[in-house]
Amino acid sequence: IIILPEDATNKGYSFEPADEEAAAVFANGKFTDGGTYNINIVSQADNSIYTTVVFNVTVTVVAIRPGNQGIFYATTGENLFDLITPTVKVYPENATNKAFSFVVNAGDSDAIVDGVATRPGVYDITIQSDENPQVQADVTVTVNEIEAPESITVNVGESFMELLSGQIRVLPVMETFEYAYTIAPKTD
C-alpha cells in the first residue's frame, strides 16, 4: 500500500470489514474462514486536502475446513482418508483447484499406512492444499479396535444381538460407540 503524498505526516492505515459477512469472519486482522469478502482499507492522511480515505477491496480467502469439527472416530482397518474426505470443504466455493492431500505425523506413519489405521490410538492428521501447502487444517482421529467372536451359537427364538453385544469389546473403551451387525449365510 502506497500512501500519497509522499510527505504525508501520517501514513498509517487499517483494515476494517466492509459489511456484516466480512465482520463475522474478520478478527485481529485475520480471517477465520474462507470465502470472498469486502474489506475497507482506511487511511488517515494529515494534509489540507484529505482527512480520511476509504478504499474497498475484495479479498478471496482460501481455506480448508473439515466437517465434524475436525474430530473423527474409526476402527482399525478403516481408511481414515476415505472417512474424512467427504466432509472437507475448500473455499472459496468457486476455486479452480480444490485438490488436497493428507499428511500424517511422521511418528504415526507405521500406524496409518496409505490412510488405513493399523492399530488403535489418537492421531493428528493435516489436510493440506495441493496448490498452496500453507493452506492447512488439522483433524484428530480416535481409532478403536473392535474385538468380537468370529461365530456364536444361539437357540431358536434367542436374541443373537443381545448375546453378541455382551461379547463385543471396543478398545480403548469408549462411553459410546456404534456398530452394526451383518448376517451372512452359513457356508460349509
N, C-alpha and C. Protein backbone atom coordinates (compact mmCIF):
# COMPACT_ATOMS: atom_id res chain seq x y z
N ILE A 1 0.85 -1.17 0.00
CA ILE A 1 0.00 0.00 0.00
C ILE A 1 0.90 1.23 0.00
N ILE A 2 0.61 2.12 -0.92
CA ILE A 2 1.38 3.37 -1.03
C ILE A 2 0.47 4.52 -0.65
N ILE A 3 0.90 5.28 0.32
CA ILE A 3 0.15 6.45 0.77
C ILE A 3 0.78 7.70 0.15
N LEU A 4 -0.05 8.48 -0.54
CA LEU A 4 0.41 9.72 -1.15
C LEU A 4 -0.30 10.89 -0.49
N PRO A 5 0.25 12.06 -0.42
CA PRO A 5 1.56 12.43 -0.96
C PRO A 5 2.69 11.81 -0.13
N GLU A 6 3.84 11.76 -0.75
CA GLU A 6 4.98 11.13 -0.10
C GLU A 6 5.38 11.83 1.19
N ASP A 7 5.06 13.11 1.30
CA ASP A 7 5.44 13.84 2.52
C ASP A 7 4.31 13.89 3.56
N ALA A 8 3.33 13.03 3.40
CA ALA A 8 2.24 12.98 4.39
C ALA A 8 2.82 12.67 5.76
N THR A 9 2.32 13.36 6.78
CA THR A 9 2.86 13.14 8.13
C THR A 9 2.27 11.89 8.79
N ASN A 10 1.12 11.42 8.31
CA ASN A 10 0.51 10.22 8.87
C ASN A 10 0.26 9.24 7.73
N LYS A 11 1.08 8.21 7.63
CA LYS A 11 0.90 7.22 6.57
C LYS A 11 0.28 5.92 7.10
N GLY A 12 -0.32 6.01 8.26
CA GLY A 12 -0.94 4.83 8.85
C GLY A 12 -2.22 4.44 8.12
N TYR A 13 -2.58 3.18 8.20
CA TYR A 13 -3.82 2.70 7.61
C TYR A 13 -4.29 1.49 8.42
N SER A 14 -5.55 1.14 8.24
CA SER A 14 -6.10 -0.02 8.94
C SER A 14 -7.03 -0.77 8.00
N PHE A 15 -7.29 -2.01 8.34
CA PHE A 15 -8.22 -2.84 7.59
C PHE A 15 -9.48 -3.01 8.43
N GLU A 16 -10.63 -2.81 7.80
CA GLU A 16 -11.90 -2.95 8.51
C GLU A 16 -12.88 -3.70 7.62
N PRO A 17 -13.71 -4.56 8.22
CA PRO A 17 -14.72 -5.26 7.42
C PRO A 17 -15.69 -4.26 6.79
N ALA A 18 -16.06 -4.50 5.54
CA ALA A 18 -16.94 -3.57 4.84
C ALA A 18 -18.41 -3.90 5.03
N ASP A 19 -18.71 -5.11 5.50
CA ASP A 19 -20.11 -5.50 5.69
C ASP A 19 -20.19 -6.56 6.78
N GLU A 20 -21.43 -6.99 7.09
CA GLU A 20 -21.63 -7.95 8.18
C GLU A 20 -21.00 -9.31 7.88
N GLU A 21 -21.03 -9.72 6.62
CA GLU A 21 -20.45 -11.02 6.25
C GLU A 21 -18.96 -11.05 6.55
N ALA A 22 -18.26 -9.97 6.19
CA ALA A 22 -16.82 -9.90 6.47
C ALA A 22 -16.58 -9.75 7.97
N ALA A 23 -17.42 -8.99 8.65
CA ALA A 23 -17.24 -8.78 10.09
C ALA A 23 -17.34 -10.09 10.86
N ALA A 24 -18.15 -11.02 10.37
CA ALA A 24 -18.35 -12.29 11.07
C ALA A 24 -17.11 -13.17 11.06
N VAL A 25 -16.21 -12.96 10.09
CA VAL A 25 -15.03 -13.84 9.96
C VAL A 25 -13.71 -13.09 10.04
N PHE A 26 -13.74 -11.81 10.39
CA PHE A 26 -12.53 -10.99 10.41
C PHE A 26 -12.26 -10.54 11.85
N ALA A 27 -11.15 -11.02 12.41
CA ALA A 27 -10.80 -10.65 13.79
C ALA A 27 -9.29 -10.48 13.91
N ASN A 28 -8.88 -9.46 14.58
CA ASN A 28 -7.45 -9.18 14.82
C ASN A 28 -6.63 -9.18 13.53
N GLY A 29 -7.22 -8.64 12.47
CA GLY A 29 -6.50 -8.53 11.21
C GLY A 29 -6.41 -9.82 10.42
N LYS A 30 -7.13 -10.86 10.84
CA LYS A 30 -7.06 -12.15 10.14
C LYS A 30 -8.47 -12.68 9.89
N PHE A 31 -8.59 -13.48 8.83
CA PHE A 31 -9.85 -14.14 8.53
C PHE A 31 -9.89 -15.49 9.23
N THR A 32 -11.05 -15.84 9.73
CA THR A 32 -11.21 -17.11 10.41
C THR A 32 -11.86 -18.17 9.53
N ASP A 33 -12.30 -17.80 8.32
CA ASP A 33 -12.90 -18.78 7.41
C ASP A 33 -12.69 -18.33 5.97
N GLY A 34 -12.77 -19.28 5.07
CA GLY A 34 -12.54 -18.98 3.66
C GLY A 34 -13.77 -18.40 2.99
N GLY A 35 -13.56 -17.74 1.88
CA GLY A 35 -14.64 -17.15 1.11
C GLY A 35 -14.16 -15.88 0.44
N THR A 36 -15.09 -15.12 -0.11
CA THR A 36 -14.78 -13.85 -0.76
C THR A 36 -15.47 -12.75 0.04
N TYR A 37 -14.68 -11.77 0.48
CA TYR A 37 -15.20 -10.75 1.39
C TYR A 37 -14.77 -9.35 0.94
N ASN A 38 -15.55 -8.36 1.37
CA ASN A 38 -15.22 -6.96 1.10
C ASN A 38 -14.60 -6.36 2.35
N ILE A 39 -13.42 -5.76 2.16
CA ILE A 39 -12.68 -5.14 3.25
C ILE A 39 -12.39 -3.69 2.86
N ASN A 40 -12.47 -2.81 3.83
CA ASN A 40 -12.10 -1.42 3.60
C ASN A 40 -10.68 -1.19 4.10
N ILE A 41 -9.90 -0.48 3.30
CA ILE A 41 -8.59 0.00 3.75
C ILE A 41 -8.80 1.47 4.08
N VAL A 42 -8.59 1.81 5.33
CA VAL A 42 -8.85 3.17 5.79
C VAL A 42 -7.52 3.85 6.09
N SER A 43 -7.32 5.00 5.44
CA SER A 43 -6.09 5.76 5.64
C SER A 43 -6.45 7.15 6.14
N GLN A 44 -5.68 7.63 7.09
CA GLN A 44 -5.91 8.98 7.58
C GLN A 44 -4.64 9.78 7.34
N ALA A 45 -4.67 10.57 6.27
CA ALA A 45 -3.51 11.38 5.90
C ALA A 45 -3.67 12.78 6.50
N ASP A 46 -2.57 13.30 7.02
CA ASP A 46 -2.59 14.64 7.60
C ASP A 46 -2.14 15.65 6.55
N ASN A 47 -3.09 16.16 5.81
CA ASN A 47 -2.79 17.26 4.88
C ASN A 47 -4.07 18.07 4.73
N SER A 48 -3.98 19.14 4.00
CA SER A 48 -5.14 20.04 3.92
C SER A 48 -6.23 19.54 2.97
N ILE A 49 -5.95 18.53 2.15
CA ILE A 49 -6.94 18.09 1.16
C ILE A 49 -7.77 16.91 1.67
N TYR A 50 -7.12 15.88 2.20
CA TYR A 50 -7.82 14.67 2.64
C TYR A 50 -7.67 14.48 4.14
N THR A 51 -8.71 14.03 4.76
CA THR A 51 -8.59 13.65 6.16
C THR A 51 -8.72 12.13 6.31
N THR A 52 -9.74 11.56 5.73
CA THR A 52 -9.92 10.11 5.77
C THR A 52 -10.26 9.61 4.38
N VAL A 53 -9.54 8.57 3.95
CA VAL A 53 -9.80 7.98 2.63
C VAL A 53 -10.11 6.50 2.85
N VAL A 54 -11.17 6.03 2.21
CA VAL A 54 -11.56 4.63 2.34
C VAL A 54 -11.54 3.98 0.97
N PHE A 55 -10.81 2.87 0.87
CA PHE A 55 -10.78 2.07 -0.36
C PHE A 55 -11.42 0.73 -0.05
N ASN A 56 -12.31 0.29 -0.93
CA ASN A 56 -12.94 -1.02 -0.75
C ASN A 56 -12.25 -2.02 -1.66
N VAL A 57 -11.82 -3.14 -1.10
CA VAL A 57 -11.19 -4.20 -1.89
C VAL A 57 -11.90 -5.52 -1.60
N THR A 58 -11.87 -6.40 -2.58
CA THR A 58 -12.43 -7.74 -2.42
C THR A 58 -11.28 -8.68 -2.13
N VAL A 59 -11.42 -9.43 -1.06
CA VAL A 59 -10.38 -10.37 -0.64
C VAL A 59 -10.92 -11.78 -0.75
N THR A 60 -10.17 -12.64 -1.44
CA THR A 60 -10.54 -14.04 -1.52
C THR A 60 -9.64 -14.82 -0.58
N VAL A 61 -10.25 -15.50 0.37
CA VAL A 61 -9.51 -16.24 1.38
C VAL A 61 -9.64 -17.73 1.08
N VAL A 62 -8.51 -18.39 0.88
CA VAL A 62 -8.50 -19.82 0.61
C VAL A 62 -8.43 -20.55 1.94
N ALA A 63 -9.28 -21.53 2.12
CA ALA A 63 -9.28 -22.28 3.37
C ALA A 63 -9.76 -23.70 3.13
N ILE A 64 -9.34 -24.57 4.01
CA ILE A 64 -9.80 -25.96 4.03
C ILE A 64 -10.49 -26.16 5.37
N ARG A 65 -11.71 -26.65 5.34
CA ARG A 65 -12.46 -26.88 6.57
C ARG A 65 -13.00 -28.30 6.59
N PRO A 66 -12.52 -29.12 7.53
CA PRO A 66 -13.10 -30.46 7.68
C PRO A 66 -14.41 -30.38 8.47
N GLY A 67 -15.31 -31.31 8.21
CA GLY A 67 -16.56 -31.37 8.97
C GLY A 67 -16.31 -31.99 10.34
N ASN A 68 -17.38 -32.26 11.05
CA ASN A 68 -17.32 -32.89 12.38
C ASN A 68 -16.42 -32.13 13.35
N GLN A 69 -16.26 -30.84 13.17
CA GLN A 69 -15.37 -30.02 13.98
C GLN A 69 -13.96 -30.60 14.03
N GLY A 70 -13.60 -31.36 13.00
CA GLY A 70 -12.25 -31.92 12.92
C GLY A 70 -12.02 -33.11 13.83
N ILE A 71 -13.09 -33.71 14.35
CA ILE A 71 -12.96 -34.86 15.25
C ILE A 71 -13.66 -36.06 14.62
N PHE A 72 -12.91 -37.16 14.48
CA PHE A 72 -13.45 -38.36 13.83
C PHE A 72 -13.16 -39.59 14.68
N TYR A 73 -14.01 -40.60 14.49
CA TYR A 73 -13.83 -41.89 15.16
C TYR A 73 -13.82 -42.97 14.09
N ALA A 74 -12.93 -43.94 14.25
CA ALA A 74 -12.80 -45.01 13.27
C ALA A 74 -12.38 -46.29 13.98
N THR A 75 -12.32 -47.36 13.23
CA THR A 75 -11.85 -48.63 13.77
C THR A 75 -10.63 -49.07 12.97
N THR A 76 -9.83 -49.95 13.57
CA THR A 76 -8.65 -50.44 12.85
C THR A 76 -9.10 -51.10 11.56
N GLY A 77 -8.28 -50.95 10.53
CA GLY A 77 -8.60 -51.49 9.21
C GLY A 77 -9.40 -50.54 8.35
N GLU A 78 -9.89 -49.44 8.93
CA GLU A 78 -10.69 -48.48 8.18
C GLU A 78 -9.77 -47.44 7.53
N ASN A 79 -10.12 -47.00 6.32
CA ASN A 79 -9.34 -45.98 5.63
C ASN A 79 -9.76 -44.61 6.15
N LEU A 80 -8.88 -43.97 6.90
CA LEU A 80 -9.19 -42.68 7.53
C LEU A 80 -9.38 -41.58 6.50
N PHE A 81 -8.59 -41.63 5.43
CA PHE A 81 -8.71 -40.59 4.40
C PHE A 81 -10.08 -40.66 3.73
N ASP A 82 -10.56 -41.88 3.48
CA ASP A 82 -11.90 -42.04 2.89
C ASP A 82 -12.98 -41.55 3.84
N LEU A 83 -12.75 -41.70 5.14
CA LEU A 83 -13.70 -41.24 6.14
C LEU A 83 -13.78 -39.72 6.18
N ILE A 84 -12.63 -39.06 6.10
CA ILE A 84 -12.56 -37.61 6.26
C ILE A 84 -12.94 -36.86 4.97
N THR A 85 -12.52 -37.38 3.81
CA THR A 85 -12.66 -36.66 2.54
C THR A 85 -14.06 -36.11 2.27
N PRO A 86 -15.14 -36.88 2.44
CA PRO A 86 -16.46 -36.32 2.10
C PRO A 86 -16.88 -35.13 2.95
N THR A 87 -16.23 -34.91 4.09
CA THR A 87 -16.62 -33.80 4.97
C THR A 87 -15.85 -32.53 4.68
N VAL A 88 -14.78 -32.61 3.88
CA VAL A 88 -13.89 -31.47 3.66
C VAL A 88 -14.50 -30.48 2.66
N LYS A 89 -14.45 -29.21 3.03
CA LYS A 89 -14.88 -28.12 2.14
C LYS A 89 -13.68 -27.24 1.86
N VAL A 90 -13.51 -26.87 0.59
CA VAL A 90 -12.42 -25.98 0.19
C VAL A 90 -13.05 -24.66 -0.25
N TYR A 91 -12.54 -23.57 0.31
CA TYR A 91 -13.04 -22.24 -0.01
C TYR A 91 -11.98 -21.45 -0.73
N PRO A 92 -12.36 -20.53 -1.62
CA PRO A 92 -13.72 -20.13 -1.93
C PRO A 92 -14.42 -21.21 -2.76
N GLU A 93 -15.74 -21.13 -2.79
CA GLU A 93 -16.52 -22.15 -3.47
C GLU A 93 -16.22 -22.21 -4.97
N ASN A 94 -15.80 -21.11 -5.56
CA ASN A 94 -15.50 -21.10 -6.99
C ASN A 94 -14.02 -21.33 -7.29
N ALA A 95 -13.28 -21.86 -6.34
CA ALA A 95 -11.85 -22.13 -6.56
C ALA A 95 -11.69 -23.11 -7.72
N THR A 96 -10.69 -22.88 -8.54
CA THR A 96 -10.47 -23.75 -9.70
C THR A 96 -9.69 -25.01 -9.34
N ASN A 97 -8.93 -24.97 -8.27
CA ASN A 97 -8.17 -26.15 -7.85
C ASN A 97 -8.49 -26.44 -6.39
N LYS A 98 -9.32 -27.45 -6.17
CA LYS A 98 -9.72 -27.80 -4.82
C LYS A 98 -9.03 -29.06 -4.32
N ALA A 99 -7.96 -29.47 -5.00
CA ALA A 99 -7.26 -30.71 -4.63
C ALA A 99 -6.54 -30.54 -3.30
N PHE A 100 -6.59 -31.59 -2.49
CA PHE A 100 -5.87 -31.58 -1.21
C PHE A 100 -5.32 -32.97 -0.94
N SER A 101 -4.38 -33.02 -0.01
CA SER A 101 -3.75 -34.28 0.40
C SER A 101 -3.75 -34.36 1.91
N PHE A 102 -3.40 -35.55 2.39
CA PHE A 102 -3.30 -35.78 3.82
C PHE A 102 -1.85 -35.95 4.21
N VAL A 103 -1.48 -35.37 5.34
CA VAL A 103 -0.13 -35.51 5.87
C VAL A 103 -0.25 -36.13 7.25
N VAL A 104 0.38 -37.28 7.42
CA VAL A 104 0.36 -37.99 8.70
C VAL A 104 1.63 -37.65 9.46
N ASN A 105 1.51 -37.39 10.74
CA ASN A 105 2.66 -37.14 11.59
C ASN A 105 3.69 -38.25 11.38
N ALA A 106 4.94 -37.90 11.20
CA ALA A 106 5.99 -38.88 10.91
C ALA A 106 6.04 -39.99 11.96
N GLY A 107 5.76 -39.67 13.20
CA GLY A 107 5.78 -40.67 14.26
C GLY A 107 4.63 -41.66 14.18
N ASP A 108 3.61 -41.34 13.37
CA ASP A 108 2.45 -42.23 13.24
C ASP A 108 2.42 -42.96 11.90
N SER A 109 3.49 -42.84 11.12
CA SER A 109 3.47 -43.41 9.77
C SER A 109 3.32 -44.93 9.75
N ASP A 110 3.70 -45.61 10.83
CA ASP A 110 3.50 -47.06 10.86
C ASP A 110 2.09 -47.43 11.34
N ALA A 111 1.38 -46.49 11.95
CA ALA A 111 0.02 -46.74 12.43
C ALA A 111 -1.03 -46.40 11.39
N ILE A 112 -0.68 -45.53 10.44
CA ILE A 112 -1.59 -45.16 9.36
C ILE A 112 -0.83 -45.36 8.06
N VAL A 113 -1.14 -46.43 7.37
CA VAL A 113 -0.44 -46.80 6.14
C VAL A 113 -1.40 -46.62 4.96
N ASP A 114 -1.05 -45.72 4.04
CA ASP A 114 -1.91 -45.40 2.90
C ASP A 114 -3.34 -45.06 3.35
N GLY A 115 -3.43 -44.40 4.50
CA GLY A 115 -4.72 -43.97 5.03
C GLY A 115 -5.40 -44.99 5.92
N VAL A 116 -4.91 -46.23 5.95
CA VAL A 116 -5.56 -47.28 6.73
C VAL A 116 -4.95 -47.35 8.13
N ALA A 117 -5.82 -47.34 9.14
CA ALA A 117 -5.37 -47.42 10.53
C ALA A 117 -5.01 -48.86 10.85
N THR A 118 -3.79 -49.07 11.34
CA THR A 118 -3.33 -50.43 11.64
C THR A 118 -3.40 -50.76 13.12
N ARG A 119 -3.59 -49.74 13.99
CA ARG A 119 -3.69 -50.01 15.42
C ARG A 119 -4.49 -48.89 16.09
N PRO A 120 -5.03 -49.19 17.28
CA PRO A 120 -5.78 -48.16 17.99
C PRO A 120 -4.88 -47.00 18.43
N GLY A 121 -5.49 -45.86 18.62
CA GLY A 121 -4.77 -44.70 19.10
C GLY A 121 -5.48 -43.42 18.71
N VAL A 122 -4.91 -42.31 19.10
CA VAL A 122 -5.43 -40.99 18.72
C VAL A 122 -4.38 -40.36 17.82
N TYR A 123 -4.80 -39.98 16.62
CA TYR A 123 -3.86 -39.49 15.62
C TYR A 123 -4.27 -38.13 15.09
N ASP A 124 -3.28 -37.26 14.91
CA ASP A 124 -3.49 -35.95 14.30
C ASP A 124 -3.07 -36.04 12.84
N ILE A 125 -3.97 -35.61 11.96
CA ILE A 125 -3.72 -35.64 10.52
C ILE A 125 -3.94 -34.23 9.98
N THR A 126 -3.07 -33.81 9.09
CA THR A 126 -3.19 -32.49 8.47
C THR A 126 -3.74 -32.65 7.05
N ILE A 127 -4.74 -31.82 6.73
CA ILE A 127 -5.26 -31.73 5.37
C ILE A 127 -4.58 -30.51 4.76
N GLN A 128 -3.97 -30.70 3.59
CA GLN A 128 -3.14 -29.65 3.01
C GLN A 128 -3.53 -29.42 1.55
N SER A 129 -3.66 -28.16 1.17
CA SER A 129 -3.95 -27.81 -0.22
C SER A 129 -2.79 -28.23 -1.11
N ASP A 130 -3.10 -28.88 -2.24
CA ASP A 130 -2.05 -29.27 -3.18
C ASP A 130 -1.44 -28.05 -3.85
N GLU A 131 -2.25 -27.03 -4.08
CA GLU A 131 -1.78 -25.83 -4.78
C GLU A 131 -0.96 -24.93 -3.87
N ASN A 132 -1.38 -24.83 -2.60
CA ASN A 132 -0.70 -23.96 -1.66
C ASN A 132 -0.55 -24.71 -0.33
N PRO A 133 0.60 -25.36 -0.10
CA PRO A 133 0.79 -26.16 1.11
C PRO A 133 0.64 -25.38 2.42
N GLN A 134 0.63 -24.05 2.36
CA GLN A 134 0.45 -23.25 3.57
C GLN A 134 -1.00 -23.25 4.02
N VAL A 135 -1.91 -23.63 3.12
CA VAL A 135 -3.34 -23.70 3.47
C VAL A 135 -3.59 -25.09 4.03
N GLN A 136 -3.88 -25.14 5.34
CA GLN A 136 -4.00 -26.42 6.02
C GLN A 136 -5.13 -26.41 7.04
N ALA A 137 -5.54 -27.60 7.42
CA ALA A 137 -6.47 -27.79 8.53
C ALA A 137 -6.09 -29.08 9.21
N ASP A 138 -6.29 -29.14 10.51
CA ASP A 138 -5.94 -30.33 11.27
C ASP A 138 -7.19 -31.06 11.74
N VAL A 139 -7.11 -32.38 11.75
CA VAL A 139 -8.18 -33.20 12.29
C VAL A 139 -7.58 -34.19 13.28
N THR A 140 -8.40 -34.65 14.20
CA THR A 140 -8.00 -35.67 15.16
C THR A 140 -8.88 -36.88 14.95
N VAL A 141 -8.24 -38.05 14.83
CA VAL A 141 -8.99 -39.29 14.64
C VAL A 141 -8.67 -40.23 15.79
N THR A 142 -9.72 -40.67 16.47
CA THR A 142 -9.56 -41.70 17.51
C THR A 142 -9.88 -43.02 16.86
N VAL A 143 -8.89 -43.91 16.82
CA VAL A 143 -9.05 -45.21 16.19
C VAL A 143 -9.21 -46.26 17.28
N ASN A 144 -10.26 -47.03 17.19
CA ASN A 144 -10.55 -48.07 18.16
C ASN A 144 -10.45 -49.43 17.49
N GLU A 145 -10.25 -50.42 18.30
CA GLU A 145 -10.24 -51.79 17.79
C GLU A 145 -11.46 -52.48 18.37
N ILE A 146 -12.19 -53.19 17.52
CA ILE A 146 -13.36 -53.93 17.98
C ILE A 146 -12.97 -55.40 18.06
N GLU A 147 -13.15 -55.96 19.22
CA GLU A 147 -12.92 -57.39 19.40
C GLU A 147 -14.28 -58.06 19.51
N ALA A 148 -14.51 -59.05 18.68
CA ALA A 148 -15.77 -59.79 18.72
C ALA A 148 -15.49 -61.22 18.30
N PRO A 149 -16.27 -62.16 18.80
CA PRO A 149 -16.06 -63.55 18.39
C PRO A 149 -16.39 -63.71 16.91
N GLU A 150 -15.72 -64.66 16.25
CA GLU A 150 -16.00 -64.90 14.83
C GLU A 150 -17.35 -65.57 14.63
N SER A 151 -17.78 -66.36 15.61
CA SER A 151 -19.08 -67.01 15.48
C SER A 151 -19.67 -67.24 16.86
N ILE A 152 -20.99 -67.31 16.91
CA ILE A 152 -21.68 -67.63 18.15
C ILE A 152 -22.79 -68.63 17.82
N THR A 153 -23.23 -69.35 18.84
CA THR A 153 -24.33 -70.31 18.68
C THR A 153 -25.49 -69.81 19.51
N VAL A 154 -26.66 -69.73 18.91
CA VAL A 154 -27.86 -69.29 19.61
C VAL A 154 -28.96 -70.33 19.40
N ASN A 155 -29.87 -70.39 20.33
CA ASN A 155 -31.02 -71.27 20.22
C ASN A 155 -32.12 -70.57 19.45
N VAL A 156 -33.01 -71.32 18.88
CA VAL A 156 -34.15 -70.76 18.17
C VAL A 156 -34.91 -69.85 19.14
N GLY A 157 -35.26 -68.65 18.68
CA GLY A 157 -36.01 -67.71 19.49
C GLY A 157 -35.14 -66.85 20.41
N GLU A 158 -33.86 -67.13 20.48
CA GLU A 158 -32.94 -66.36 21.32
C GLU A 158 -32.43 -65.16 20.53
N SER A 159 -32.25 -64.04 21.20
CA SER A 159 -31.76 -62.83 20.53
C SER A 159 -30.24 -62.92 20.35
N PHE A 160 -29.81 -63.09 19.12
CA PHE A 160 -28.36 -63.18 18.88
C PHE A 160 -27.71 -61.83 19.13
N MET A 161 -28.45 -60.71 18.93
CA MET A 161 -27.86 -59.39 19.12
C MET A 161 -27.53 -59.16 20.59
N GLU A 162 -28.40 -59.58 21.50
CA GLU A 162 -28.10 -59.43 22.92
C GLU A 162 -26.88 -60.23 23.31
N LEU A 163 -26.85 -61.49 22.85
CA LEU A 163 -25.74 -62.37 23.19
C LEU A 163 -24.43 -61.82 22.62
N LEU A 164 -24.47 -61.38 21.36
CA LEU A 164 -23.26 -60.87 20.71
C LEU A 164 -22.81 -59.55 21.32
N SER A 165 -23.77 -58.68 21.65
CA SER A 165 -23.42 -57.39 22.22
C SER A 165 -22.61 -57.54 23.50
N GLY A 166 -22.92 -58.54 24.28
CA GLY A 166 -22.18 -58.77 25.51
C GLY A 166 -20.76 -59.25 25.28
N GLN A 167 -20.45 -59.69 24.04
CA GLN A 167 -19.12 -60.22 23.75
C GLN A 167 -18.25 -59.27 22.93
N ILE A 168 -18.80 -58.12 22.55
CA ILE A 168 -18.04 -57.16 21.75
C ILE A 168 -17.32 -56.20 22.69
N ARG A 169 -16.04 -55.98 22.44
CA ARG A 169 -15.25 -55.01 23.21
C ARG A 169 -14.68 -53.99 22.23
N VAL A 170 -14.78 -52.75 22.62
CA VAL A 170 -14.19 -51.67 21.82
C VAL A 170 -12.97 -51.17 22.59
N LEU A 171 -11.81 -51.20 21.94
CA LEU A 171 -10.57 -50.77 22.59
C LEU A 171 -10.04 -49.52 21.90
N PRO A 172 -9.60 -48.49 22.59
CA PRO A 172 -9.77 -48.31 24.02
C PRO A 172 -11.25 -48.16 24.36
N VAL A 173 -11.61 -48.44 25.59
CA VAL A 173 -13.01 -48.41 25.99
C VAL A 173 -13.55 -46.99 25.85
N MET A 174 -14.67 -46.88 25.16
CA MET A 174 -15.31 -45.58 24.97
C MET A 174 -16.70 -45.62 25.57
N GLU A 175 -17.21 -44.47 25.97
CA GLU A 175 -18.55 -44.44 26.53
C GLU A 175 -19.60 -44.79 25.50
N THR A 176 -19.43 -44.28 24.28
CA THR A 176 -20.39 -44.59 23.23
C THR A 176 -19.65 -44.98 21.97
N PHE A 177 -20.15 -45.99 21.32
CA PHE A 177 -19.60 -46.41 20.05
C PHE A 177 -20.67 -47.19 19.31
N GLU A 178 -20.91 -46.85 18.07
CA GLU A 178 -21.93 -47.54 17.31
C GLU A 178 -21.30 -48.61 16.43
N TYR A 179 -21.96 -49.74 16.35
CA TYR A 179 -21.52 -50.80 15.45
C TYR A 179 -22.76 -51.45 14.86
N ALA A 180 -22.56 -52.12 13.75
CA ALA A 180 -23.69 -52.75 13.06
C ALA A 180 -23.44 -54.24 12.95
N TYR A 181 -24.52 -55.00 12.89
CA TYR A 181 -24.42 -56.45 12.70
C TYR A 181 -24.63 -56.76 11.24
N THR A 182 -23.86 -57.70 10.73
CA THR A 182 -24.07 -58.19 9.37
C THR A 182 -24.35 -59.68 9.47
N ILE A 183 -25.46 -60.11 8.91
CA ILE A 183 -25.82 -61.54 8.94
C ILE A 183 -25.44 -62.13 7.59
N ALA A 184 -24.62 -63.15 7.64
CA ALA A 184 -24.21 -63.83 6.41
C ALA A 184 -24.68 -65.28 6.49
N PRO A 185 -25.05 -65.86 5.34
CA PRO A 185 -25.48 -67.26 5.38
C PRO A 185 -24.30 -68.17 5.72
N LYS A 186 -24.61 -69.26 6.39
CA LYS A 186 -23.58 -70.22 6.77
C LYS A 186 -23.11 -70.98 5.53
N THR A 187 -21.82 -71.09 5.37
CA THR A 187 -21.27 -71.86 4.25
C THR A 187 -20.49 -73.03 4.82
N ASP A 188 -20.52 -74.14 4.11
CA ASP A 188 -19.77 -75.33 4.56
C ASP A 188 -18.46 -75.45 3.87
